[in-house]
Amino acid sequence: MNYELSIILVFAWLLDLALGDPSWLPHPVVGFGKMIAWGEHHLNHGKHRMLKGAIMTIFLDFIIFSITWFILYYTRSLCIIHYALCIIIVFYCLAGTTLIREVRQVFIALDNSLDKGRKQVARIVGRDTSELSAQEVRTAALETLAENLSDGVVAPLFWLAIGGVPAMLTYKMINTQDSMIGYRTERYKDYGCWAAHIDDIANYIPARITALLMMLAGWVCTKGKTSLLKLFPFVLKYGSKHASPNSGWPEAALAGILNCRFGGPHYYFGQLFPKPYIGENDRQLTTTDMHLSIVVCFTAEILFVSLIILISFYDNCFL
């Protein structure tokens, strides 16, 4: 039985609940962003952009995995240091608490003014927000909450269980690459192609696990008022109706629970991208929807953390 992973995960998860991502604490994703930006600045021009983007993407993923593996391998004899490093890395890779705080702040800001709501939601979405309506601000926040439950919680934990701490941190690099250069705009469509596709592969299973967890959490949080018999067909119908092969699944799960409509066309870097709608009920979203969404996502997080801890007792995960 592997008790190590359980101990590491419990301490790291409790740290995330207590601290989130405090601004005063240096974060490795900031460093990842600087590396990605450096590569994009120096390589994303001239000929063979796709090849250069592929080489840089794979190189950064390999470097992060290798460095993490060597550091943890050679500190195994230094018990306290080894486990402290593992806990810190896992803590850095979890983003559930920060995500919930940010989404809540969007709704609070929107209650003050539309302009403040637009500025607040711009912190957590990649789309242009300057022209969004109040309904679109709320929709963007809740879509991001669902999508990033997968990207920021379930997927990192999934790769922790599959390949240990090095795989978990490497996933964060993959996801950061996608969030920075994985767009279909003129600037990034070639250079960021591999980053986007690698992220699609890394999130394929976690996104569907997230949708399942959310459906179960929705049924629990609404005390059975959310019918799983209706929710499953809804998610199967709309889960694939998204520009991303993965983001639509958790978004469809939340849209089904809230009985609302997500999706639709959005502007990215000044360019309009048509996106299909997820759901049909174009009702006005409210603060009550935000509270229910947060409870559902947090319940789904608890379910998956508990599952990983149980699995760790019966599997020798790589640390």
C-alpha atoms as a PDB file:
ATOM      1  CA  MET A   1       0.000   0.000   0.000  1.00  0.00           C
ATOM      2  CA  ASN A   2       1.248   3.467  -0.906  1.00  0.00           C
ATOM      3  CA  TYR A   3       0.424   5.831   1.934  1.00  0.00           C
ATOM      4  CA  GLU A   4       2.895   8.450   0.694  1.00  0.00           C
ATOM      5  CA  LEU A   5       0.700   9.840  -2.060  1.00  0.00           C
ATOM      6  CA  SER A   6      -2.275  10.112   0.296  1.00  0.00           C
ATOM      7  CA  ILE A   7      -0.267  12.094   2.839  1.00  0.00           C
ATOM      8  CA  ILE A   8       1.200  14.391   0.177  1.00  0.00           C
ATOM      9  CA  LEU A   9      -2.171  15.000  -1.456  1.00  0.00           C
ATOM     10  CA  VAL A  10      -3.996  15.687   1.808  1.00  0.00           C
ATOM     11  CA  PHE A  11      -1.432  18.260   2.957  1.00  0.00           C
ATOM     12  CA  ALA A  12      -1.224  19.908  -0.479  1.00  0.00           C
ATOM     13  CA  TRP A  13      -5.005  20.057  -0.849  1.00  0.00           C
ATOM     14  CA  LEU A  14      -5.418  21.566   2.619  1.00  0.00           C
ATOM     15  CA  LEU A  15      -2.798  24.178   1.718  1.00  0.00           C
ATOM     16  CA  ASP A  16      -4.743  25.040  -1.431  1.00  0.00           C
ATOM     17  CA  LEU A  17      -7.967  25.372   0.583  1.00  0.00           C
ATOM     18  CA  ALA A  18      -6.227  27.640   3.072  1.00  0.00           C
ATOM     19  CA  LEU A  19      -4.112  29.781   0.745  1.00  0.00           C
ATOM     20  CA  GLY A  20      -5.220  29.438  -2.860  1.00  0.00           C
ATOM     21  CA  ASP A  21      -2.591  31.214  -4.970  1.00  0.00           C
ATOM     22  CA  PRO A  22      -1.478  34.150  -2.806  1.00  0.00           C
ATOM     23  CA  SER A  23       0.045  37.004  -4.813  1.00  0.00           C
ATOM     24  CA  TRP A  24       3.010  37.254  -2.442  1.00  0.00           C
ATOM     25  CA  LEU A  25       4.098  33.674  -3.142  1.00  0.00           C
ATOM     26  CA  PRO A  26       6.210  33.017  -6.291  1.00  0.00           C
ATOM     27  CA  HIS A  27       4.420  30.579  -8.600  1.00  0.00           C
ATOM     28  CA  PRO A  28       6.128  28.200 -11.069  1.00  0.00           C
ATOM     29  CA  VAL A  29       3.452  28.899 -13.694  1.00  0.00           C
ATOM     30  CA  VAL A  30       4.807  32.464 -13.880  1.00  0.00           C
ATOM     31  CA  GLY A  31       8.178  30.972 -14.755  1.00  0.00           C
ATOM     32  CA  PHE A  32       6.542  28.660 -17.276  1.00  0.00           C
ATOM     33  CA  GLY A  33       4.890  31.669 -18.866  1.00  0.00           C
ATOM     34  CA  LYS A  34       8.196  33.491 -19.212  1.00  0.00           C
ATOM     35  CA  MET A  35       9.802  30.468 -20.892  1.00  0.00           C
ATOM     36  CA  ILE A  36       6.876  30.087 -23.290  1.00  0.00           C
ATOM     37  CA  ALA A  37       6.856  33.814 -24.071  1.00  0.00           C
ATOM     38  CA  TRP A  38      10.634  33.784 -24.697  1.00  0.00           C
ATOM     39  CA  GLY A  39      10.310  30.904 -27.146  1.00  0.00           C
ATOM     40  CA  GLU A  40       7.345  32.486 -28.916  1.00  0.00           C
ATOM     41  CA  HIS A  41       9.133  35.838 -29.225  1.00  0.00           C
ATOM     42  CA  HIS A  42      12.271  34.320 -30.742  1.00  0.00           C
ATOM     43  CA  LEU A  43      10.780  31.533 -32.874  1.00  0.00           C
ATOM     44  CA  ASN A  44       7.297  32.552 -33.995  1.00  0.00           C
ATOM     45  CA  HIS A  45       8.307  34.305 -37.195  1.00  0.00           C
ATOM     46  CA  GLY A  46       9.641  33.426 -40.629  1.00  0.00           C
ATOM     47  CA  LYS A  47       9.365  29.947 -42.081  1.00  0.00           C
ATOM     48  CA  HIS A  48       8.608  26.597 -40.415  1.00  0.00           C
ATOM     49  CA  ARG A  49       6.615  28.090 -37.538  1.00  0.00           C
ATOM     50  CA  MET A  50       4.766  24.858 -36.856  1.00  0.00           C
ATOM     51  CA  LEU A  51       8.013  22.879 -36.653  1.00  0.00           C
ATOM     52  CA  LYS A  52       9.643  25.443 -34.388  1.00  0.00           C
ATOM     53  CA  GLY A  53       6.560  25.535 -32.179  1.00  0.00           C
ATOM     54  CA  ALA A  54       6.499  21.741 -31.958  1.00  0.00           C
ATOM     55  CA  ILE A  55      10.169  21.519 -30.997  1.00  0.00           C
ATOM     56  CA  MET A  56       9.856  24.231 -28.354  1.00  0.00           C
ATOM     57  CA  THR A  57       6.667  22.741 -26.915  1.00  0.00           C
ATOM     58  CA  ILE A  58       8.079  19.220 -26.594  1.00  0.00           C
ATOM     59  CA  PHE A  59      11.413  20.537 -25.299  1.00  0.00           C
ATOM     60  CA  LEU A  60       9.771  22.497 -22.467  1.00  0.00           C
ATOM     61  CA  ASP A  61       7.579  19.528 -21.487  1.00  0.00           C
ATOM     62  CA  PHE A  62      10.613  17.232 -21.461  1.00  0.00           C
ATOM     63  CA  ILE A  63      12.715  19.674 -19.440  1.00  0.00           C
ATOM     64  CA  ILE A  64      10.067  20.144 -16.751  1.00  0.00           C
ATOM     65  CA  PHE A  65       9.470  16.405 -16.370  1.00  0.00           C
ATOM     66  CA  SER A  66      13.204  15.591 -16.312  1.00  0.00           C
ATOM     67  CA  ILE A  67      14.203  18.275 -13.821  1.00  0.00           C
ATOM     68  CA  THR A  68      11.332  17.402 -11.474  1.00  0.00           C
ATOM     69  CA  TRP A  69      12.100  13.685 -11.698  1.00  0.00           C
ATOM     70  CA  PHE A  70      15.811  14.152 -10.944  1.00  0.00           C
ATOM     71  CA  ILE A  71      15.215  16.546  -8.043  1.00  0.00           C
ATOM     72  CA  LEU A  72      12.675  14.240  -6.393  1.00  0.00           C
ATOM     73  CA  TYR A  73      14.705  11.101  -7.110  1.00  0.00           C
ATOM     74  CA  TYR A  74      17.896  12.463  -5.586  1.00  0.00           C
ATOM     75  CA  THR A  75      16.137  13.895  -2.531  1.00  0.00           C
ATOM     76  CA  ARG A  76      14.417  10.639  -1.572  1.00  0.00           C
ATOM     77  CA  SER A  77      17.076   9.966   1.057  1.00  0.00           C
ATOM     78  CA  LEU A  78      16.362  13.411   2.550  1.00  0.00           C
ATOM     79  CA  CYS A  79      12.939  12.425   3.778  1.00  0.00           C
ATOM     80  CA  ILE A  80      11.609  15.731   5.085  1.00  0.00           C
ATOM     81  CA  ILE A  81      12.960  17.743   2.145  1.00  0.00           C
ATOM     82  CA  HIS A  82      11.598  15.219  -0.357  1.00  0.00           C
ATOM     83  CA  TYR A  83       8.079  15.230   1.043  1.00  0.00           C
ATOM     84  CA  ALA A  84       8.101  18.997   1.504  1.00  0.00           C
ATOM     85  CA  LEU A  85       9.008  19.431  -2.166  1.00  0.00           C
ATOM     86  CA  CYS A  86       6.280  17.004  -3.232  1.00  0.00           C
ATOM     87  CA  ILE A  87       3.666  18.790  -1.136  1.00  0.00           C
ATOM     88  CA  ILE A  88       4.688  22.218  -2.431  1.00  0.00           C
ATOM     89  CA  ILE A  89       4.616  21.095  -6.083  1.00  0.00           C
ATOM     90  CA  VAL A  90       1.215  19.427  -5.727  1.00  0.00           C
ATOM     91  CA  PHE A  91      -0.069  22.528  -3.936  1.00  0.00           C
ATOM     92  CA  TYR A  92       1.132  24.720  -6.796  1.00  0.00           C
ATOM     93  CA  CYS A  93      -0.599  22.474  -9.337  1.00  0.00           C
ATOM     94  CA  LEU A  94      -4.040  22.752  -7.706  1.00  0.00           C
ATOM     95  CA  ALA A  95      -6.143  25.786  -8.563  1.00  0.00           C
ATOM     96  CA  GLY A  96      -9.576  24.981  -7.168  1.00  0.00           C
ATOM     97  CA  THR A  97      -9.680  27.550  -4.365  1.00  0.00           C
ATOM     98  CA  THR A  98      -8.361  30.429  -6.459  1.00  0.00           C
ATOM     99  CA  LEU A  99     -10.796  29.639  -9.251  1.00  0.00           C
ATOM    100  CA  ILE A 100     -13.781  29.715  -6.888  1.00  0.00           C
ATOM    101  CA  ARG A 101     -12.598  33.005  -5.369  1.00  0.00           C
ATOM    102  CA  GLU A 102     -12.161  34.598  -8.792  1.00  0.00           C
ATOM    103  CA  VAL A 103     -15.597  33.530 -10.035  1.00  0.00           C
ATOM    104  CA  ARG A 104     -17.234  34.809  -6.865  1.00  0.00           C
ATOM    105  CA  GLN A 105     -15.419  38.133  -7.308  1.00  0.00           C
ATOM    106  CA  VAL A 106     -16.773  38.457 -10.861  1.00  0.00           C
ATOM    107  CA  PHE A 107     -20.355  38.377  -9.600  1.00  0.00           C
ATOM    108  CA  ILE A 108     -19.556  40.773  -6.734  1.00  0.00           C
ATOM    109  CA  ALA A 109     -17.874  43.211  -9.155  1.00  0.00           C
ATOM    110  CA  LEU A 110     -20.775  42.944 -11.577  1.00  0.00           C
ATOM    111  CA  ASP A 111     -23.192  43.917  -8.804  1.00  0.00           C
ATOM    112  CA  ASN A 112     -21.246  47.201  -8.536  1.00  0.00           C
ATOM    113  CA  SER A 113     -21.015  47.960 -12.244  1.00  0.00           C
ATOM    114  CA  LEU A 114     -20.828  46.287 -15.644  1.00  0.00           C
ATOM    115  CA  ASP A 115     -17.386  47.788 -16.284  1.00  0.00           C
ATOM    116  CA  LYS A 116     -16.005  46.312 -13.041  1.00  0.00           C
ATOM    117  CA  GLY A 117     -17.528  42.950 -13.930  1.00  0.00           C
ATOM    118  CA  ARG A 118     -15.879  43.003 -17.355  1.00  0.00           C
ATOM    119  CA  LYS A 119     -12.487  43.854 -15.841  1.00  0.00           C
ATOM    120  CA  GLN A 120     -12.802  41.139 -13.192  1.00  0.00           C
ATOM    121  CA  VAL A 121     -13.813  38.387 -15.622  1.00  0.00           C
ATOM    122  CA  ALA A 122     -10.895  39.387 -17.884  1.00  0.00           C
ATOM    123  CA  ARG A 123      -8.617  37.945 -15.176  1.00  0.00           C
ATOM    124  CA  ILE A 124      -9.857  34.404 -15.800  1.00  0.00           C
ATOM    125  CA  VAL A 125     -10.901  34.212 -19.469  1.00  0.00           C
ATOM    126  CA  GLY A 126      -8.983  34.475 -22.718  1.00  0.00           C
ATOM    127  CA  ARG A 127     -11.735  36.144 -24.739  1.00  0.00           C
ATOM    128  CA  ASP A 128     -12.140  39.888 -25.225  1.00  0.00           C
ATOM    129  CA  THR A 129     -14.359  41.243 -22.447  1.00  0.00           C
ATOM    130  CA  SER A 130     -14.665  44.979 -23.178  1.00  0.00           C
ATOM    131  CA  GLU A 131     -18.005  44.625 -24.990  1.00  0.00           C
ATOM    132  CA  LEU A 132     -19.603  41.822 -22.971  1.00  0.00           C
ATOM    133  CA  SER A 133     -23.105  42.283 -21.589  1.00  0.00           C
ATOM    134  CA  ALA A 134     -23.867  41.482 -17.943  1.00  0.00           C
ATOM    135  CA  GLN A 135     -25.327  38.112 -19.007  1.00  0.00           C
ATOM    136  CA  GLU A 136     -22.227  37.349 -21.076  1.00  0.00           C
ATOM    137  CA  VAL A 137     -19.968  38.228 -18.114  1.00  0.00           C
ATOM    138  CA  ARG A 138     -21.864  35.790 -15.882  1.00  0.00           C
ATOM    139  CA  THR A 139     -21.843  33.129 -18.576  1.00  0.00           C
ATOM    140  CA  ALA A 140     -18.104  33.540 -19.176  1.00  0.00           C
ATOM    141  CA  ALA A 141     -17.378  33.201 -15.451  1.00  0.00           C
ATOM    142  CA  LEU A 142     -19.434  30.021 -15.037  1.00  0.00           C
ATOM    143  CA  GLU A 143     -18.074  28.477 -18.246  1.00  0.00           C
ATOM    144  CA  THR A 144     -14.572  29.106 -16.926  1.00  0.00           C
ATOM    145  CA  LEU A 145     -15.485  27.623 -13.556  1.00  0.00           C
ATOM    146  CA  ALA A 146     -16.591  24.386 -15.226  1.00  0.00           C
ATOM    147  CA  GLU A 147     -13.734  24.208 -17.713  1.00  0.00           C
ATOM    148  CA  ASN A 148     -11.068  24.972 -15.147  1.00  0.00           C
ATOM    149  CA  LEU A 149     -12.413  22.447 -12.683  1.00  0.00           C
ATOM    150  CA  SER A 150     -11.068  20.025 -15.262  1.00  0.00           C
ATOM    151  CA  ASP A 151      -7.883  21.947 -16.162  1.00  0.00           C
ATOM    152  CA  GLY A 152      -7.057  23.173 -12.665  1.00  0.00           C
ATOM    153  CA  VAL A 153      -8.106  20.288 -10.423  1.00  0.00           C
ATOM    154  CA  VAL A 154      -9.184  17.019 -12.029  1.00  0.00           C
ATOM    155  CA  ALA A 155      -6.558  16.844 -14.790  1.00  0.00           C
ATOM    156  CA  PRO A 156      -3.594  17.619 -12.479  1.00  0.00           C
ATOM    157  CA  LEU A 157      -4.839  14.997 -10.004  1.00  0.00           C
ATOM    158  CA  PHE A 158      -5.376  12.517 -12.830  1.00  0.00           C
ATOM    159  CA  TRP A 159      -1.771  12.907 -14.000  1.00  0.00           C
ATOM    160  CA  LEU A 160      -0.559  12.763 -10.401  1.00  0.00           C
ATOM    161  CA  ALA A 161      -2.190   9.341 -10.109  1.00  0.00           C
ATOM    162  CA  ILE A 162      -0.857   8.213 -13.506  1.00  0.00           C
ATOM    163  CA  GLY A 163       2.725   9.467 -13.369  1.00  0.00           C
ATOM    164  CA  GLY A 164       3.319  11.031  -9.990  1.00  0.00           C
ATOM    165  CA  VAL A 165       4.492  14.533  -9.164  1.00  0.00           C
ATOM    166  CA  PRO A 166       6.702  14.980 -12.289  1.00  0.00           C
ATOM    167  CA  ALA A 167       3.760  14.174 -14.573  1.00  0.00           C
ATOM    168  CA  MET A 168       1.513  16.532 -12.621  1.00  0.00           C
ATOM    169  CA  LEU A 169       3.903  19.477 -12.980  1.00  0.00           C
ATOM    170  CA  THR A 170       4.505  18.660 -16.643  1.00  0.00           C
ATOM    171  CA  TYR A 171       0.760  18.800 -17.190  1.00  0.00           C
ATOM    172  CA  LYS A 172       0.784  22.351 -15.774  1.00  0.00           C
ATOM    173  CA  MET A 173       3.383  23.294 -18.386  1.00  0.00           C
ATOM    174  CA  ILE A 174       1.254  21.697 -21.124  1.00  0.00           C
ATOM    175  CA  ASN A 175      -1.837  23.550 -19.966  1.00  0.00           C
ATOM    176  CA  THR A 176       0.025  26.855 -19.648  1.00  0.00           C
ATOM    177  CA  GLN A 177       1.345  26.471 -23.189  1.00  0.00           C
ATOM    178  CA  ASP A 178      -2.174  25.947 -24.479  1.00  0.00           C
ATOM    179  CA  SER A 179      -3.538  28.951 -22.584  1.00  0.00           C
ATOM    180  CA  MET A 180      -0.820  31.211 -24.020  1.00  0.00           C
ATOM    181  CA  ILE A 181      -0.260  30.041 -27.601  1.00  0.00           C
ATOM    182  CA  GLY A 182      -2.938  27.428 -28.330  1.00  0.00           C
ATOM    183  CA  TYR A 183      -5.191  29.746 -30.352  1.00  0.00           C
ATOM    184  CA  ARG A 184      -6.386  29.626 -33.947  1.00  0.00           C
ATOM    185  CA  THR A 185      -5.531  33.230 -34.627  1.00  0.00           C
ATOM    186  CA  GLU A 186      -3.182  34.265 -37.417  1.00  0.00           C
ATOM    187  CA  ARG A 187      -0.344  34.727 -34.939  1.00  0.00           C
ATOM    188  CA  TYR A 188      -0.640  31.395 -33.128  1.00  0.00           C
ATOM    189  CA  LYS A 189      -2.379  28.928 -35.460  1.00  0.00           C
ATOM    190  CA  ASP A 190       0.894  27.413 -36.700  1.00  0.00           C
ATOM    191  CA  TYR A 191       3.297  28.011 -33.839  1.00  0.00           C
ATOM    192  CA  GLY A 192       0.809  26.938 -31.164  1.00  0.00           C
ATOM    193  CA  CYS A 193      -0.659  23.999 -33.073  1.00  0.00           C
ATOM    194  CA  TRP A 194       1.282  21.315 -31.210  1.00  0.00           C
ATOM    195  CA  ALA A 195       0.714  22.969 -27.847  1.00  0.00           C
ATOM    196  CA  ALA A 196      -3.040  22.897 -28.452  1.00  0.00           C
ATOM    197  CA  HIS A 197      -3.093  19.282 -29.631  1.00  0.00           C
ATOM    198  CA  ILE A 198      -0.908  18.003 -26.780  1.00  0.00           C
ATOM    199  CA  ASP A 199      -3.203  19.766 -24.322  1.00  0.00           C
ATOM    200  CA  ASP A 200      -6.218  18.164 -26.029  1.00  0.00           C
ATOM    201  CA  ILE A 201      -4.664  14.719 -25.514  1.00  0.00           C
ATOM    202  CA  ALA A 202      -3.688  15.432 -21.904  1.00  0.00           C
ATOM    203  CA  ASN A 203      -7.219  16.603 -21.058  1.00  0.00           C
ATOM    204  CA  TYR A 204      -9.242  14.050 -23.035  1.00  0.00           C
ATOM    205  CA  ILE A 205      -9.930  11.627 -20.188  1.00  0.00           C
ATOM    206  CA  PRO A 206      -9.926  14.193 -17.325  1.00  0.00           C
ATOM    207  CA  ALA A 207     -12.567  16.343 -19.056  1.00  0.00           C
ATOM    208  CA  ARG A 208     -14.957  13.424 -19.260  1.00  0.00           C
ATOM    209  CA  ILE A 209     -14.219  12.394 -15.686  1.00  0.00           C
ATOM    210  CA  THR A 210     -14.964  15.976 -14.659  1.00  0.00           C
ATOM    211  CA  ALA A 211     -18.332  15.902 -16.413  1.00  0.00           C
ATOM    212  CA  LEU A 212     -19.232  12.667 -14.635  1.00  0.00           C
ATOM    213  CA  LEU A 213     -18.149  14.030 -11.254  1.00  0.00           C
ATOM    214  CA  MET A 214     -20.142  17.208 -11.817  1.00  0.00           C
ATOM    215  CA  MET A 215     -23.261  15.255 -12.714  1.00  0.00           C
ATOM    216  CA  LEU A 216     -22.980  13.217  -9.526  1.00  0.00           C
ATOM    217  CA  ALA A 217     -22.235  16.364  -7.513  1.00  0.00           C
ATOM    218  CA  GLY A 218     -25.205  18.134  -9.105  1.00  0.00           C
ATOM    219  CA  TRP A 219     -27.509  15.322  -8.116  1.00  0.00           C
ATOM    220  CA  VAL A 220     -26.176  15.424  -4.542  1.00  0.00           C
ATOM    221  CA  CYS A 221     -26.197  19.234  -4.198  1.00  0.00           C
ATOM    222  CA  THR A 222     -29.747  19.603  -5.508  1.00  0.00           C
ATOM    223  CA  LYS A 223     -30.909  16.729  -3.289  1.00  0.00           C
ATOM    224  CA  GLY A 224     -31.990  14.668  -6.262  1.00  0.00           C
ATOM    225  CA  LYS A 225     -33.814  17.489  -8.062  1.00  0.00           C
ATOM    226  CA  THR A 226     -31.279  17.212 -10.875  1.00  0.00           C
ATOM    227  CA  SER A 227     -32.318  14.084 -12.743  1.00  0.00           C
ATOM    228  CA  LEU A 228     -29.345  12.005 -13.833  1.00  0.00           C
ATOM    229  CA  LEU A 229     -31.602  10.299 -16.379  1.00  0.00           C
ATOM    230  CA  LYS A 230     -32.057  13.679 -18.078  1.00  0.00           C
ATOM    231  CA  LEU A 231     -28.584  15.018 -17.386  1.00  0.00           C
ATOM    232  CA  PHE A 232     -26.651  12.153 -19.000  1.00  0.00           C
ATOM    233  CA  PRO A 233     -28.369  12.514 -22.421  1.00  0.00           C
ATOM    234  CA  PHE A 234     -27.947  16.311 -22.207  1.00  0.00           C
ATOM    235  CA  VAL A 235     -24.192  16.033 -21.629  1.00  0.00           C
ATOM    236  CA  LEU A 236     -23.827  13.406 -24.348  1.00  0.00           C
ATOM    237  CA  LYS A 237     -25.693  15.681 -26.762  1.00  0.00           C
ATOM    238  CA  TYR A 238     -23.837  18.914 -26.032  1.00  0.00           C
ATOM    239  CA  GLY A 239     -20.476  17.732 -24.699  1.00  0.00           C
ATOM    240  CA  SER A 240     -18.947  17.556 -28.160  1.00  0.00           C
ATOM    241  CA  LYS A 241     -20.464  20.868 -29.316  1.00  0.00           C
ATOM    242  CA  HIS A 242     -17.454  23.030 -28.545  1.00  0.00           C
ATOM    243  CA  ALA A 243     -14.448  24.250 -30.477  1.00  0.00           C
ATOM    244  CA  SER A 244     -12.355  22.263 -28.002  1.00  0.00           C
ATOM    245  CA  PRO A 245     -12.765  18.469 -27.907  1.00  0.00           C
ATOM    246  CA  ASN A 246     -12.714  18.639 -24.106  1.00  0.00           C
ATOM    247  CA  SER A 247     -14.051  21.919 -22.708  1.00  0.00           C
ATOM    248  CA  GLY A 248     -17.613  21.199 -23.779  1.00  0.00           C
ATOM    249  CA  TRP A 249     -18.011  18.225 -21.445  1.00  0.00           C
ATOM    250  CA  PRO A 250     -17.741  19.978 -18.061  1.00  0.00           C
ATOM    251  CA  GLU A 251     -19.511  23.033 -19.497  1.00  0.00           C
ATOM    252  CA  ALA A 252     -22.385  20.837 -20.690  1.00  0.00           C
ATOM    253  CA  ALA A 253     -22.603  19.219 -17.261  1.00  0.00           C
ATOM    254  CA  LEU A 254     -22.923  22.604 -15.529  1.00  0.00           C
ATOM    255  CA  ALA A 255     -25.334  23.953 -18.151  1.00  0.00           C
ATOM    256  CA  GLY A 256     -27.507  20.889 -17.634  1.00  0.00           C
ATOM    257  CA  ILE A 257     -27.488  21.285 -13.860  1.00  0.00           C
ATOM    258  CA  LEU A 258     -28.373  24.995 -14.117  1.00  0.00           C
ATOM    259  CA  ASN A 259     -30.785  24.484 -17.035  1.00  0.00           C
ATOM    260  CA  CYS A 260     -29.154  27.346 -18.917  1.00  0.00           C
ATOM    261  CA  ARG A 261     -27.263  28.007 -22.153  1.00  0.00           C
ATOM    262  CA  PHE A 262     -23.511  28.408 -22.531  1.00  0.00           C
ATOM    263  CA  GLY A 263     -21.320  28.937 -25.582  1.00  0.00           C
ATOM    264  CA  GLY A 264     -21.939  31.093 -28.620  1.00  0.00           C
ATOM    265  CA  PRO A 265     -19.553  33.319 -30.628  1.00  0.00           C
ATOM    266  CA  HIS A 266     -16.710  35.120 -28.826  1.00  0.00           C
ATOM    267  CA  TYR A 267     -13.950  37.549 -29.733  1.00  0.00           C
ATOM    268  CA  TYR A 268     -10.311  36.541 -29.175  1.00  0.00           C
ATOM    269  CA  PHE A 269      -7.565  39.091 -29.879  1.00  0.00           C
ATOM    270  CA  GLY A 270     -10.079  41.153 -31.845  1.00  0.00           C
ATOM    271  CA  GLN A 271     -11.142  38.247 -34.072  1.00  0.00           C
ATOM    272  CA  LEU A 272     -14.638  36.734 -33.915  1.00  0.00           C
ATOM    273  CA  PHE A 273     -14.790  32.962 -33.466  1.00  0.00           C
ATOM    274  CA  PRO A 274     -18.163  31.260 -34.026  1.00  0.00           C
ATOM    275  CA  LYS A 275     -18.929  28.682 -31.357  1.00  0.00           C
ATOM    276  CA  PRO A 276     -22.014  26.489 -31.007  1.00  0.00           C
ATOM    277  CA  TYR A 277     -24.357  26.887 -28.079  1.00  0.00           C
ATOM    278  CA  ILE A 278     -24.469  24.382 -25.226  1.00  0.00           C
ATOM    279  CA  GLY A 279     -28.069  24.080 -24.099  1.00  0.00           C
ATOM    280  CA  GLU A 280     -31.204  25.846 -25.282  1.00  0.00           C
ATOM    281  CA  ASN A 281     -32.610  27.739 -22.286  1.00  0.00           C
ATOM    282  CA  ASP A 282     -31.289  31.290 -22.732  1.00  0.00           C
ATOM    283  CA  ARG A 283     -32.436  32.454 -19.310  1.00  0.00           C
ATOM    284  CA  GLN A 284     -30.773  35.142 -17.226  1.00  0.00           C
ATOM    285  CA  LEU A 285     -28.113  33.808 -14.871  1.00  0.00           C
ATOM    286  CA  THR A 286     -28.137  34.992 -11.262  1.00  0.00           C
ATOM    287  CA  THR A 287     -25.967  35.039  -8.168  1.00  0.00           C
ATOM    288  CA  THR A 288     -27.908  31.991  -6.958  1.00  0.00           C
ATOM    289  CA  ASP A 289     -26.620  30.118 -10.023  1.00  0.00           C
ATOM    290  CA  MET A 290     -23.092  31.130  -9.110  1.00  0.00           C
ATOM    291  CA  HIS A 291     -23.471  29.804  -5.569  1.00  0.00           C
ATOM    292  CA  LEU A 292     -24.896  26.491  -6.794  1.00  0.00           C
ATOM    293  CA  SER A 293     -22.141  26.182  -9.410  1.00  0.00           C
ATOM    294  CA  ILE A 294     -19.435  26.708  -6.786  1.00  0.00           C
ATOM    295  CA  VAL A 295     -20.973  24.119  -4.462  1.00  0.00           C
ATOM    296  CA  VAL A 296     -21.258  21.620  -7.328  1.00  0.00           C
ATOM    297  CA  CYS A 297     -17.655  22.130  -8.433  1.00  0.00           C
ATOM    298  CA  PHE A 298     -16.284  21.949  -4.894  1.00  0.00           C
ATOM    299  CA  THR A 299     -18.265  18.765  -4.245  1.00  0.00           C
ATOM    300  CA  ALA A 300     -16.870  17.272  -7.451  1.00  0.00           C
ATOM    301  CA  GLU A 301     -13.371  18.237  -6.276  1.00  0.00           C
ATOM    302  CA  ILE A 302     -13.909  16.500  -2.926  1.00  0.00           C
ATOM    303  CA  LEU A 303     -15.153  13.378  -4.710  1.00  0.00           C
ATOM    304  CA  PHE A 304     -12.074  13.176  -6.925  1.00  0.00           C
ATOM    305  CA  VAL A 305      -9.569  13.946  -4.171  1.00  0.00           C
ATOM    306  CA  SER A 306     -11.179  11.184  -2.092  1.00  0.00           C
ATOM    307  CA  LEU A 307     -11.035   8.801  -5.046  1.00  0.00           C
ATOM    308  CA  ILE A 308      -7.339   9.486  -5.664  1.00  0.00           C
ATOM    309  CA  ILE A 309      -6.570   8.911  -1.976  1.00  0.00           C
ATOM    310  CA  LEU A 310      -8.419   5.585  -2.043  1.00  0.00           C
ATOM    311  CA  ILE A 311      -6.640   4.522  -5.231  1.00  0.00           C
ATOM    312  CA  SER A 312      -3.259   5.438  -3.758  1.00  0.00           C
ATOM    313  CA  PHE A 313      -3.674   2.786  -1.093  1.00  0.00           C
ATOM    314  CA  TYR A 314      -3.738   0.111  -3.772  1.00  0.00           C
ATOM    315  CA  ASP A 315      -1.305   1.440  -6.353  1.00  0.00           C
ATOM    316  CA  ASN A 316       2.369   2.272  -6.193  1.00  0.00           C
ATOM    317  CA  CYS A 317       2.298   5.731  -7.770  1.00  0.00           C
ATOM    318  CA  PHE A 318       5.566   7.274  -8.929  1.00  0.00           C
ATOM    319  CA  LEU A 319       6.756  10.091  -6.694  1.00  0.00           C
END
